[in-house]
Amino acid sequence: MKKSNIIKDKSFDFALRIIKLYKFLIEKKEFILSKQILRSGTSVGAMVRESEQAESKPDFIHKLAISLKEANETEYWMELLHKSDYIDTTQYESIKKDCKEILKLLTSIIKSSRGRD
C-alpha cells in the first residue's frame, strides 16, 4: 500500500484550485495578476515534486524553501486580488486557508529537516 504524502497531495490540489481561479480571472478580463498567481501557485507543487528527487539533504531543503517562497508570493497575489475586488471575501478566505496550511506544512518540514543531521 502506497503511503500518502500530505504536502504533495495538498500542493497538487492547491495548484488545481489556482488553475480554476486563473480561468475565473480570465473570464473577468484580468490578465496580468492572473498570470502571476498561476505561475507562483502552480510552482508550489512543482517544487515539492522536485524535492522528491533531491540530490542531497541540502538540495531537498533548498527546493522546499523555494516552494515556501512561491506559496508566500501566491498569498500576496491572492490578497491583492481580494483588495482590488477581483475575488470576493468567500473566495479569498477559502483559498487563503489552503495556502496557510501549505505554508505551515512546508515550514515544519524544512525546520525538522534542518534539525536532523
Protein backbone atom coordinates (compact mmCIF):
# COMPACT_ATOMS: atom_id res chain seq x y z
CA MET A 1 0.00 0.00 0.00
CA LYS A 2 1.38 3.40 -1.02
CA LYS A 3 1.96 5.85 1.80
CA SER A 4 0.23 9.23 1.46
CA ASN A 5 2.38 12.35 1.17
CA ILE A 6 0.34 15.19 2.66
CA ILE A 7 2.37 18.11 1.27
CA LYS A 8 2.49 16.53 -2.17
CA ASP A 9 -1.28 15.95 -2.20
CA LYS A 10 -2.19 19.36 -0.76
CA SER A 11 0.14 21.29 -3.07
CA PHE A 12 -1.28 19.44 -6.09
CA ASP A 13 -4.87 20.17 -5.03
CA PHE A 14 -3.87 23.78 -4.39
CA ALA A 15 -2.45 24.05 -7.92
CA LEU A 16 -5.76 22.80 -9.32
CA ARG A 17 -7.60 25.49 -7.34
CA ILE A 18 -5.18 28.11 -8.65
CA ILE A 19 -5.82 26.97 -12.23
CA LYS A 20 -9.57 27.31 -11.66
CA LEU A 21 -9.01 30.77 -10.15
CA TYR A 22 -6.92 31.70 -13.19
CA LYS A 23 -9.75 30.64 -15.53
CA PHE A 24 -12.21 32.69 -13.45
CA LEU A 25 -9.96 35.76 -13.62
CA ILE A 26 -9.50 35.43 -17.38
CA GLU A 27 -13.30 35.50 -17.76
CA LYS A 28 -13.24 38.78 -15.83
CA LYS A 29 -10.63 40.07 -18.31
CA GLU A 30 -7.85 40.18 -15.72
CA PHE A 31 -4.68 39.07 -17.49
CA ILE A 32 -1.67 40.37 -15.54
CA LEU A 33 -2.33 39.36 -11.92
CA SER A 34 -3.91 36.10 -13.09
CA LYS A 35 -0.68 35.05 -14.82
CA GLN A 36 1.34 35.93 -11.71
CA ILE A 37 -0.82 33.84 -9.39
CA LEU A 38 -0.94 30.99 -11.92
CA ARG A 39 2.86 30.90 -12.08
CA SER A 40 3.53 31.12 -8.33
CA GLY A 41 0.56 28.98 -7.26
CA THR A 42 1.44 26.06 -9.51
CA SER A 43 5.16 26.36 -8.70
CA VAL A 44 4.49 25.37 -5.09
CA GLY A 45 3.62 21.80 -6.01
CA ALA A 46 6.22 21.63 -8.77
CA MET A 47 9.00 22.37 -6.29
CA VAL A 48 7.57 19.85 -3.82
CA ARG A 49 7.75 17.26 -6.61
CA GLU A 50 11.31 18.31 -7.42
CA SER A 51 12.28 17.87 -3.78
CA GLU A 52 11.36 14.18 -4.03
CA GLN A 53 14.32 13.70 -6.37
CA ALA A 54 16.74 15.93 -4.48
CA GLU A 55 20.38 15.01 -4.80
CA SER A 56 21.13 15.68 -1.14
CA LYS A 57 19.56 16.84 2.09
CA PRO A 58 20.62 20.48 1.47
CA ASP A 59 19.13 20.22 -2.05
CA PHE A 60 15.89 18.84 -0.57
CA ILE A 61 15.70 21.72 1.90
CA HIS A 62 16.52 24.25 -0.82
CA LYS A 63 13.76 23.00 -3.11
CA LEU A 64 11.21 23.12 -0.29
CA ALA A 65 12.42 26.61 0.63
CA ILE A 66 11.70 27.71 -2.94
CA SER A 67 8.25 26.12 -2.65
CA LEU A 68 7.72 28.09 0.58
CA LYS A 69 8.69 31.33 -1.18
CA GLU A 70 6.28 30.57 -4.02
CA ALA A 71 3.46 29.89 -1.54
CA ASN A 72 4.22 33.18 0.21
CA GLU A 73 4.16 35.01 -3.13
CA THR A 74 0.87 33.34 -4.01
CA GLU A 75 -0.60 34.57 -0.74
CA TYR A 76 0.44 38.10 -1.74
CA TRP A 77 -1.28 37.86 -5.14
CA MET A 78 -4.43 36.47 -3.52
CA GLU A 79 -4.55 39.38 -1.08
CA LEU A 80 -4.03 41.83 -3.92
CA LEU A 81 -6.82 40.21 -5.96
CA HIS A 82 -9.12 40.39 -2.95
CA LYS A 83 -8.33 44.01 -2.05
CA SER A 84 -8.82 45.03 -5.69
CA ASP A 85 -12.23 43.28 -5.81
CA TYR A 86 -11.34 40.65 -8.39
CA ILE A 87 -12.27 37.93 -5.89
CA ASP A 88 -14.79 38.21 -3.08
CA THR A 89 -14.18 37.52 0.59
CA THR A 90 -15.59 33.99 0.45
CA GLN A 91 -13.30 33.01 -2.43
CA TYR A 92 -10.33 34.69 -0.76
CA GLU A 93 -10.84 33.11 2.66
CA SER A 94 -11.31 29.65 1.18
CA ILE A 95 -8.11 29.64 -0.86
CA LYS A 96 -6.18 31.58 1.80
CA LYS A 97 -6.92 28.78 4.29
CA ASP A 98 -5.38 26.23 1.91
CA CYS A 99 -2.36 28.44 1.31
CA LYS A 100 -1.77 28.99 5.05
CA GLU A 101 -1.93 25.24 5.64
CA ILE A 102 0.68 24.65 2.94
CA LEU A 103 2.89 27.40 4.37
CA LYS A 104 2.74 25.78 7.81
CA LEU A 105 3.47 22.30 6.44
CA LEU A 106 6.42 23.48 4.40
CA THR A 107 7.84 25.46 7.32
CA SER A 108 7.53 22.44 9.58
CA ILE A 109 9.16 20.08 7.08
CA ILE A 110 12.04 22.48 6.47
CA LYS A 111 12.63 23.06 10.19
CA SER A 112 12.55 19.36 11.04
CA SER A 113 14.81 18.53 8.07
CA ARG A 114 17.37 21.10 9.19
CA GLY A 115 17.28 19.65 12.69
CA ARG A 116 18.10 16.11 11.53
CA ASP A 117 21.81 15.75 10.84
